[in-house]
């Protein structure tokens, strides 16, 4: 036992905490023990995978960089497979994107530190589409709010919403404190959402984003249960839904009846217990949230940004098909964000040529929200992402127009 008030440690875990397995493991374990104490965890549990959110120098800055380099110098190695979130730059195109050299230098140092610790360099916020082989029932430790949502709600793995650098510590130890969504009793659905007269079968990905934002902002800390989403919903639609739900509030798990593995039925979602509350979403409320995600009317954009979360290969194929025979307007930038692996596939499939041939730019491994844009002076951004629409005004000092993907592409191109 340790001096912790709530959490039991095995002899092996105590040895790590006492420094018998090296300084890096000692630091990581001490952080995780403090986390467990704060949340009254009873013990540590093994994890099978980690996803590192603390990937961008633009989010963890000098303190985060120093922490990672300190852990490398102390001998840190990841004990479980670990994928990683987008960086602050496109490593191949940072000059074209006018990223300051000092940001690039710090980001490259951070990337090298992670590589030395053993990260799988996915550089994507959608690890579930890019190499994260997790499955139902596994305990994992994921950062990145949309990825956390997807792991819990679509795959049926179990993870809490880990903050920056806690995910690093979890990957080093291969364990996390057992609390929150690792406990079955905390995964029970507590707030019911019913969709009334919404044309869900005709929903675009952006429509799913708006719906997710509304549910996430309404549910707060409750675990929402949604009835009315068809089983034919696609992975990309669920990606938009989850990203927006986790933006609207602290939502890390949502039971989509008939889709979520733990919610094959409504009774399964609630474990047979009563809801704390019931909410009906009608067409008026849905239209209102879509309108509120825009900060301005239909003004001409100077930046069209797609890929938050990162575009899948299927989305890139759709975009390339639309751009065939069209050109991006003068004075407009069309930026499409994706993972390095998806860009590589797009190159082999001829999609990259189609996008670049039309005047668009396919940006790999970076995030539209944290890519430094000070060198551009953009005024109006149009996006198909509810998450980007919510965060971009504050992060980039731009007006935002929230539209579906097709409308975004139309705004970017000549007819």
Protein backbone atom coordinates (compact mmCIF):
# COMPACT_ATOMS: atom_id res chain seq x y z
CA UNK A 1 0.00 0.00 0.00
CA UNK A 2 1.01 3.61 -0.49
CA UNK A 3 0.09 6.69 1.44
CA UNK A 4 -2.71 7.27 -1.06
CA UNK A 5 -6.06 7.66 0.60
CA UNK A 6 -8.03 5.60 -1.91
CA UNK A 7 -5.86 3.67 -4.37
CA UNK A 8 -4.23 0.28 -3.86
CA UNK A 9 -0.90 -0.37 -5.61
CA UNK A 10 0.65 -3.76 -6.23
CA UNK A 11 4.23 -4.41 -5.13
CA UNK A 12 5.35 -3.93 -8.73
CA UNK A 13 3.52 -0.60 -8.97
CA UNK A 14 5.01 0.51 -5.65
CA UNK A 15 8.46 -0.33 -6.99
CA UNK A 16 7.87 1.88 -10.01
CA UNK A 17 6.63 4.70 -7.78
CA UNK A 18 9.73 4.35 -5.59
CA UNK A 19 12.04 4.75 -8.58
CA UNK A 20 13.18 1.15 -8.91
CA UNK A 21 12.27 1.08 -12.62
CA UNK A 22 13.92 4.37 -13.52
CA UNK A 23 13.21 8.07 -13.26
CA UNK A 24 10.84 8.36 -16.23
CA UNK A 25 8.58 5.58 -15.00
CA UNK A 26 8.69 7.06 -11.49
CA UNK A 27 7.55 10.47 -12.76
CA UNK A 28 4.80 8.95 -14.89
CA UNK A 29 3.55 6.73 -12.07
CA UNK A 30 3.55 9.60 -9.57
CA UNK A 31 1.35 11.63 -11.93
CA UNK A 32 -1.07 8.73 -12.40
CA UNK A 33 -1.24 8.06 -8.66
CA UNK A 34 -2.11 11.69 -8.01
CA UNK A 35 -4.78 11.47 -10.69
CA UNK A 36 -6.18 8.34 -9.06
CA UNK A 37 -6.23 9.97 -5.65
CA UNK A 38 -8.07 12.99 -7.03
CA UNK A 39 -10.82 10.78 -8.50
CA UNK A 40 -10.91 8.21 -5.68
CA UNK A 41 -9.77 5.34 -7.89
CA UNK A 42 -9.46 2.01 -6.10
CA UNK A 43 -6.58 0.57 -8.15
CA UNK A 44 -4.66 0.69 -11.42
CA UNK A 45 -5.76 -1.24 -14.52
CA UNK A 46 -3.84 -2.27 -17.64
CA UNK A 47 -4.52 -0.54 -20.94
CA UNK A 48 -4.05 -1.94 -24.44
CA UNK A 49 -3.50 1.31 -26.36
CA UNK A 50 -2.91 5.04 -25.90
CA UNK A 51 -3.63 8.01 -28.14
CA UNK A 52 -1.51 11.06 -27.40
CA UNK A 53 -3.34 14.38 -27.55
CA UNK A 54 -0.31 16.40 -26.42
CA UNK A 55 1.09 16.40 -29.96
CA UNK A 56 1.12 20.06 -30.98
CA UNK A 57 3.61 22.62 -29.76
CA UNK A 58 0.77 25.13 -30.28
CA UNK A 59 -1.15 23.49 -27.43
CA UNK A 60 1.50 22.38 -24.90
CA UNK A 61 4.11 25.07 -25.62
CA UNK A 62 7.51 25.20 -23.89
CA UNK A 63 6.48 23.44 -20.69
CA UNK A 64 5.10 20.46 -22.59
CA UNK A 65 8.16 20.26 -24.83
CA UNK A 66 10.45 20.34 -21.82
CA UNK A 67 8.42 17.61 -20.11
CA UNK A 68 8.68 15.30 -23.13
CA UNK A 69 12.39 15.94 -23.61
CA UNK A 70 12.94 15.38 -19.89
CA UNK A 71 11.16 12.03 -20.10
CA UNK A 72 13.31 11.00 -23.08
CA UNK A 73 16.51 11.91 -21.24
CA UNK A 74 15.25 9.87 -18.28
CA UNK A 75 14.80 6.80 -20.49
CA UNK A 76 11.05 6.84 -21.16
CA UNK A 77 9.67 4.20 -23.51
CA UNK A 78 6.01 3.58 -24.27
CA UNK A 79 4.81 0.25 -22.91
CA UNK A 80 1.72 0.01 -25.13
CA UNK A 81 1.06 0.95 -28.78
CA UNK A 82 0.49 4.71 -28.92
CA UNK A 83 -0.79 6.78 -31.82
CA UNK A 84 -0.54 10.58 -31.84
CA UNK A 85 -2.71 13.61 -32.60
CA UNK A 86 -1.98 16.27 -35.27
CA UNK A 87 1.05 18.51 -34.93
CA UNK A 88 1.15 22.30 -35.26
CA UNK A 89 2.62 22.01 -38.76
CA UNK A 90 2.61 20.00 -41.96
CA UNK A 91 6.16 18.66 -41.75
CA UNK A 92 6.57 18.82 -45.54
CA UNK A 93 4.74 22.07 -46.32
CA UNK A 94 5.26 24.39 -43.34
CA UNK A 95 7.00 27.02 -45.50
CA UNK A 96 4.09 27.14 -47.95
CA UNK A 97 1.75 27.55 -44.98
CA UNK A 98 3.82 30.49 -43.67
CA UNK A 99 4.47 28.87 -40.31
CA UNK A 100 7.08 30.78 -38.28
CA UNK A 101 10.42 28.96 -38.24
CA UNK A 102 10.60 29.07 -34.44
CA UNK A 103 7.29 27.16 -34.18
CA UNK A 104 8.54 24.63 -36.72
CA UNK A 105 11.81 24.11 -34.84
CA UNK A 106 9.99 23.47 -31.56
CA UNK A 107 7.45 21.16 -33.22
CA UNK A 108 10.21 19.09 -34.82
CA UNK A 109 11.93 18.74 -31.44
CA UNK A 110 8.65 17.58 -29.92
CA UNK A 111 8.13 15.06 -32.73
CA UNK A 112 11.63 13.65 -32.24
CA UNK A 113 10.98 13.22 -28.54
CA UNK A 114 7.83 11.23 -29.21
CA UNK A 115 9.56 9.05 -31.81
CA UNK A 116 12.28 8.23 -29.28
CA UNK A 117 9.63 7.22 -26.75
CA UNK A 118 8.11 4.86 -29.32
CA UNK A 119 5.03 6.63 -30.67
CA UNK A 120 3.43 5.46 -33.90
CA UNK A 121 3.62 8.73 -35.94
CA UNK A 122 0.05 8.83 -37.20
CA UNK A 123 -0.34 12.62 -36.62
CA UNK A 124 -4.12 12.43 -36.80
CA UNK A 125 -7.14 13.22 -34.64
CA UNK A 126 -8.97 10.25 -36.17
CA UNK A 127 -6.79 7.31 -35.06
CA UNK A 128 -9.78 4.99 -35.40
CA UNK A 129 -9.51 5.49 -39.18
CA UNK A 130 -5.71 5.44 -39.27
CA UNK A 131 -4.16 2.45 -37.60
CA UNK A 132 -5.45 2.33 -34.02
CA UNK A 133 -6.49 -1.30 -33.77
CA UNK A 134 -8.64 -1.23 -30.67
CA UNK A 135 -11.75 -3.30 -30.06
CA UNK A 136 -14.87 -3.67 -27.96
CA UNK A 137 -14.31 -4.06 -24.24
CA UNK A 138 -10.64 -3.03 -24.20
CA UNK A 139 -9.36 -0.45 -21.75
CA UNK A 140 -7.43 2.29 -23.55
CA UNK A 141 -6.14 5.74 -22.61
CA UNK A 142 -7.04 8.28 -25.25
CA UNK A 143 -6.76 12.03 -25.41
CA UNK A 144 -8.45 14.09 -28.19
CA UNK A 145 -12.12 14.55 -27.43
CA UNK A 146 -13.56 13.25 -30.72
CA UNK A 147 -11.38 10.14 -30.55
CA UNK A 148 -12.48 9.50 -26.95
CA UNK A 149 -16.11 9.80 -28.02
CA UNK A 150 -15.59 7.40 -30.92
CA UNK A 151 -13.73 4.83 -28.84
CA UNK A 152 -16.45 4.72 -26.18
CA UNK A 153 -19.57 5.25 -28.29
CA UNK A 154 -18.85 3.50 -31.59
CA UNK A 155 -16.18 0.89 -30.88
CA UNK A 156 -17.15 0.12 -27.31
CA UNK A 157 -13.66 0.42 -25.85
CA UNK A 158 -13.35 2.15 -22.48
CA UNK A 159 -11.47 5.37 -21.85
CA UNK A 160 -11.76 8.55 -19.89
CA UNK A 161 -11.09 11.90 -21.53
CA UNK A 162 -7.39 12.31 -20.75
CA UNK A 163 -5.78 15.71 -20.71
CA UNK A 164 -2.44 16.59 -22.29
CA UNK A 165 0.57 14.70 -20.90
CA UNK A 166 -1.57 12.40 -18.74
CA UNK A 167 -1.84 10.33 -21.92
CA UNK A 168 1.96 10.30 -22.16
CA UNK A 169 2.25 9.01 -18.61
CA UNK A 170 -0.34 6.32 -19.30
CA UNK A 171 1.56 5.14 -22.39
CA UNK A 172 4.81 4.91 -20.41
CA UNK A 173 3.28 2.88 -17.57
CA UNK A 174 0.74 0.93 -19.62
CA UNK A 175 -1.81 1.47 -16.88
CA UNK A 176 -4.28 4.08 -15.62
CA UNK A 177 -6.29 4.56 -12.42
CA UNK A 178 -9.65 2.81 -12.50
CA UNK A 179 -12.39 5.44 -12.30
CA UNK A 180 -14.96 7.18 -14.47
CA UNK A 181 -15.87 5.41 -17.70
CA UNK A 182 -13.75 2.37 -16.90
CA UNK A 183 -16.51 1.45 -14.42
CA UNK A 184 -19.62 -0.17 -15.87
CA UNK A 185 -21.95 1.69 -13.52
CA UNK A 186 -20.72 5.03 -14.88
CA UNK A 187 -21.44 4.04 -18.47
CA UNK A 188 -25.20 3.78 -17.96
CA UNK A 189 -27.26 6.17 -20.10
CA UNK A 190 -28.94 8.81 -17.95
CA UNK A 191 -30.56 11.32 -20.35
CA UNK A 192 -32.81 10.33 -23.24
CA UNK A 193 -32.84 12.27 -26.52
CA UNK A 194 -35.61 11.58 -29.03
CA UNK A 195 -35.57 13.02 -32.54
CA UNK A 196 -38.93 14.38 -33.65
CA UNK A 197 -39.63 14.77 -37.38
CA UNK A 198 -35.96 15.24 -38.31
CA UNK A 199 -35.04 14.01 -41.82
CA UNK A 200 -32.16 11.98 -40.39
CA UNK A 201 -31.91 9.62 -43.36
CA UNK A 202 -31.03 12.64 -45.54
CA UNK A 203 -28.55 14.15 -43.07
CA UNK A 204 -25.18 15.28 -44.33
CA UNK A 205 -22.08 14.87 -42.19
CA UNK A 206 -22.47 18.51 -41.17
CA UNK A 207 -26.06 17.88 -40.12
CA UNK A 208 -24.79 15.14 -37.84
CA UNK A 209 -22.26 17.64 -36.50
CA UNK A 210 -24.99 20.13 -35.64
CA UNK A 211 -27.06 17.41 -33.99
CA UNK A 212 -24.06 16.24 -31.97
CA UNK A 213 -23.29 19.79 -30.83
CA UNK A 214 -26.88 20.26 -29.65
CA UNK A 215 -26.89 16.97 -27.74
CA UNK A 216 -23.46 17.54 -26.19
CA UNK A 217 -24.30 21.05 -25.04
CA UNK A 218 -27.64 19.92 -23.59
CA UNK A 219 -26.43 16.76 -21.84
CA UNK A 220 -23.66 18.38 -19.83
CA UNK A 221 -22.18 15.73 -17.54
CA UNK A 222 -25.02 13.24 -18.12
CA UNK A 223 -24.57 10.22 -20.42
CA UNK A 224 -26.91 10.82 -23.38
CA UNK A 225 -28.93 8.11 -25.08
CA UNK A 226 -30.13 8.93 -28.60
CA UNK A 227 -33.05 7.23 -30.29
CA UNK A 228 -33.72 7.78 -33.99
CA UNK A 229 -30.31 7.59 -35.68
CA UNK A 230 -30.45 4.83 -38.33
CA UNK A 231 -28.10 1.87 -38.23
CA UNK A 232 -27.02 2.84 -41.74
CA UNK A 233 -25.19 5.89 -40.32
CA UNK A 234 -21.64 5.97 -41.71
CA UNK A 235 -18.33 6.10 -39.87
CA UNK A 236 -17.68 9.60 -41.20
CA UNK A 237 -21.11 10.79 -40.07
CA UNK A 238 -20.43 9.38 -36.60
CA UNK A 239 -17.05 11.10 -36.65
CA UNK A 240 -18.71 14.50 -37.24
CA UNK A 241 -21.39 13.75 -34.66
CA UNK A 242 -18.92 12.75 -31.96
CA UNK A 243 -16.51 15.63 -32.57
CA UNK A 244 -19.32 18.13 -32.19
CA UNK A 245 -20.87 16.43 -29.16
CA UNK A 246 -17.51 16.53 -27.40
CA UNK A 247 -17.18 20.21 -28.36
CA UNK A 248 -20.60 21.22 -27.09
CA UNK A 249 -19.88 19.75 -23.65
CA UNK A 250 -17.75 17.21 -21.78
CA UNK A 251 -19.44 14.32 -23.57
CA UNK A 252 -17.15 11.26 -23.76
CA UNK A 253 -19.81 8.58 -24.20
CA UNK A 254 -23.13 8.63 -25.98
CA UNK A 255 -25.35 5.60 -26.42
CA UNK A 256 -26.74 5.63 -29.96
CA UNK A 257 -29.42 2.97 -29.77
CA UNK A 258 -28.81 0.30 -32.38
CA UNK A 259 -25.28 1.56 -33.12
CA UNK A 260 -23.32 1.67 -29.85
CA UNK A 261 -22.27 -1.89 -28.88
CA UNK A 262 -23.55 -1.39 -25.34
CA UNK A 263 -26.86 0.02 -26.59
CA UNK A 264 -28.35 -2.57 -28.90
CA UNK A 265 -31.66 -1.70 -27.25
CA UNK A 266 -32.91 1.20 -25.17
CA UNK A 267 -33.08 -1.07 -22.12
CA UNK A 268 -29.46 -2.08 -22.59
CA UNK A 269 -28.39 1.56 -22.81
CA UNK A 270 -29.94 2.37 -19.42
CA UNK A 271 -29.22 -1.01 -17.81
CA UNK A 272 -32.92 -1.15 -17.07
CA UNK A 273 -32.97 1.98 -14.91
CA UNK A 274 -35.01 5.18 -15.34
CA UNK A 275 -33.72 8.30 -17.10
CA UNK A 276 -32.98 11.42 -15.12
CA UNK A 277 -34.41 13.50 -17.95
CA UNK A 278 -35.93 13.23 -21.40
CA UNK A 279 -35.38 15.71 -24.25
CA UNK A 280 -37.13 15.95 -27.60
CA UNK A 281 -35.25 17.59 -30.47
CA UNK A 282 -37.46 19.01 -33.21
CA UNK A 283 -36.71 20.68 -36.52
CA UNK A 284 -36.86 24.20 -35.07
CA UNK A 285 -34.19 23.50 -32.46
CA UNK A 286 -32.04 21.75 -35.02
CA UNK A 287 -32.18 24.70 -37.42
CA UNK A 288 -31.42 27.13 -34.60
CA UNK A 289 -28.21 25.36 -33.60
CA UNK A 290 -27.05 25.27 -37.22
CA UNK A 291 -27.59 29.02 -37.49
CA UNK A 292 -25.78 29.73 -34.20
CA UNK A 293 -22.67 27.91 -35.41
CA UNK A 294 -22.18 30.70 -37.96
CA UNK A 295 -20.98 34.11 -36.78
CA UNK A 296 -21.89 35.89 -40.01
CA UNK A 297 -24.18 35.60 -43.00
CA UNK A 298 -23.27 34.18 -46.41
CA UNK A 299 -20.19 36.33 -46.96
CA UNK A 300 -17.54 35.40 -49.49
CA UNK A 301 -14.80 33.42 -47.69
CA UNK A 302 -11.07 33.83 -48.13
CA UNK A 303 -10.47 30.43 -46.49
CA UNK A 304 -12.41 27.23 -47.03
CA UNK A 305 -11.24 24.61 -44.51
CA UNK A 306 -12.38 20.98 -44.53
CA UNK A 307 -11.09 18.15 -42.36
CA UNK A 308 -11.84 18.68 -38.68
CA UNK A 309 -11.66 15.82 -37.73
CA UNK A 310 -9.29 14.68 -40.48
CA UNK A 311 -10.77 13.61 -43.79
CA UNK A 312 -10.95 9.91 -44.54
CA UNK A 313 -9.95 8.52 -47.92
CA UNK A 314 -13.65 8.24 -48.76
CA UNK A 315 -14.14 11.95 -48.08
CA UNK A 316 -11.06 12.80 -50.15
CA UNK A 317 -12.47 10.79 -53.05
CA UNK A 318 -15.72 12.75 -52.81
CA UNK A 319 -13.87 16.09 -52.76
CA UNK A 320 -11.60 15.15 -55.67
CA UNK A 321 -14.60 14.06 -57.72
CA UNK A 322 -16.31 17.42 -57.19
CA UNK A 323 -13.17 19.39 -58.05
CA UNK A 324 -12.69 17.65 -61.40
CA UNK A 325 -13.01 20.32 -64.11
CA UNK A 326 -13.25 23.16 -61.58
CA UNK A 327 -10.80 25.75 -60.23
CA UNK A 328 -10.42 27.38 -56.84
CA UNK A 329 -11.38 31.05 -57.00
CA UNK A 330 -8.75 33.76 -57.03
CA UNK A 331 -8.27 35.16 -53.53
CA UNK A 332 -9.61 32.00 -51.86
CA UNK A 333 -7.62 29.22 -50.17
CA UNK A 334 -9.08 25.71 -50.18
CA UNK A 335 -7.35 23.71 -47.45
CA UNK A 336 -8.21 20.07 -46.82
CA UNK A 337 -6.77 18.43 -43.72
CA UNK A 338 -6.02 14.73 -43.44
CA UNK A 339 -3.60 12.23 -41.97
CA UNK A 340 -0.23 11.44 -43.58
CA UNK A 341 -1.38 7.87 -44.28
CA UNK A 342 -4.59 9.05 -45.99
CA UNK A 343 -2.60 11.56 -48.06
CA UNK A 344 -0.26 8.78 -49.16
CA UNK A 345 -3.23 6.70 -50.31
CA UNK A 346 -4.76 9.75 -51.99
CA UNK A 347 -1.54 10.23 -53.93
CA UNK A 348 -1.58 6.61 -55.16
CA UNK A 349 -5.26 6.89 -56.11
CA UNK A 350 -4.78 10.09 -58.12
CA UNK A 351 -6.90 12.09 -55.70
CA UNK A 352 -4.02 14.36 -54.69
CA UNK A 353 -3.42 15.38 -58.29
CA UNK A 354 -7.11 16.19 -58.73
CA UNK A 355 -7.19 18.35 -55.58
CA UNK A 356 -3.94 20.17 -56.29
CA UNK A 357 -4.77 20.48 -59.98
CA UNK A 358 -7.87 22.45 -59.06
CA UNK A 359 -5.85 24.76 -56.82
CA UNK A 360 -6.63 23.14 -53.47
CA UNK A 361 -4.08 22.09 -50.87
CA UNK A 362 -4.08 18.76 -49.05
CA UNK A 363 -2.47 19.36 -45.65
CA UNK A 364 -1.22 16.28 -43.81
CA UNK A 365 -0.68 15.74 -40.11
CA UNK A 366 -1.72 19.17 -38.90
CA UNK A 367 -4.84 20.71 -37.35
CA UNK A 368 -6.82 23.61 -38.81
CA UNK A 369 -7.48 24.92 -35.31
CA UNK A 370 -3.85 25.06 -34.19
CA UNK A 371 -1.99 25.69 -37.42
CA UNK A 372 -0.55 29.22 -37.03
CA UNK A 373 -2.45 31.53 -39.39
CA UNK A 374 -1.09 34.93 -38.40
CA UNK A 375 0.76 35.26 -41.69
CA UNK A 376 -2.41 35.06 -43.77
CA UNK A 377 -4.82 37.67 -42.43
CA UNK A 378 -7.95 35.66 -43.17
CA UNK A 379 -11.27 37.36 -42.45
CA UNK A 380 -14.00 34.82 -43.30
CA UNK A 381 -13.72 31.05 -42.92
CA UNK A 382 -16.29 28.60 -44.26
CA UNK A 383 -16.24 25.06 -42.91
CA UNK A 384 -18.34 21.90 -42.78
CA UNK A 385 -17.16 21.15 -39.24
CA UNK A 386 -19.26 22.15 -36.23
CA UNK A 387 -16.15 21.75 -34.08
CA UNK A 388 -14.12 24.14 -36.22
CA UNK A 389 -17.02 26.56 -36.49
CA UNK A 390 -17.21 26.74 -32.69
CA UNK A 391 -13.49 27.19 -31.97
CA UNK A 392 -12.14 29.10 -34.97
CA UNK A 393 -13.52 32.59 -34.12
CA UNK A 394 -11.68 32.65 -30.81
CA UNK A 395 -8.52 30.92 -31.99
CA UNK A 396 -8.06 32.68 -35.32
CA UNK A 397 -10.08 35.90 -34.97
CA UNK A 398 -12.19 35.16 -38.05
CA UNK A 399 -15.88 35.14 -38.88
CA UNK A 400 -17.22 31.67 -39.60
CA UNK A 401 -19.87 30.32 -41.95
CA UNK A 402 -21.02 26.77 -41.15
CA UNK A 403 -22.23 24.82 -44.18
CA UNK A 404 -22.26 21.27 -45.52
CA UNK A 405 -19.27 19.97 -47.48
CA UNK A 406 -20.81 20.53 -50.90
CA UNK A 407 -21.67 24.14 -50.06
CA UNK A 408 -18.12 24.70 -48.85
CA UNK A 409 -16.70 23.37 -52.10
CA UNK A 410 -19.09 25.51 -54.13
CA UNK A 411 -17.96 28.57 -52.17
CA UNK A 412 -14.34 27.75 -52.97
CA UNK A 413 -14.62 27.15 -56.70
CA UNK A 414 -15.73 28.63 -59.96
CA UNK A 415 -18.77 26.97 -61.46
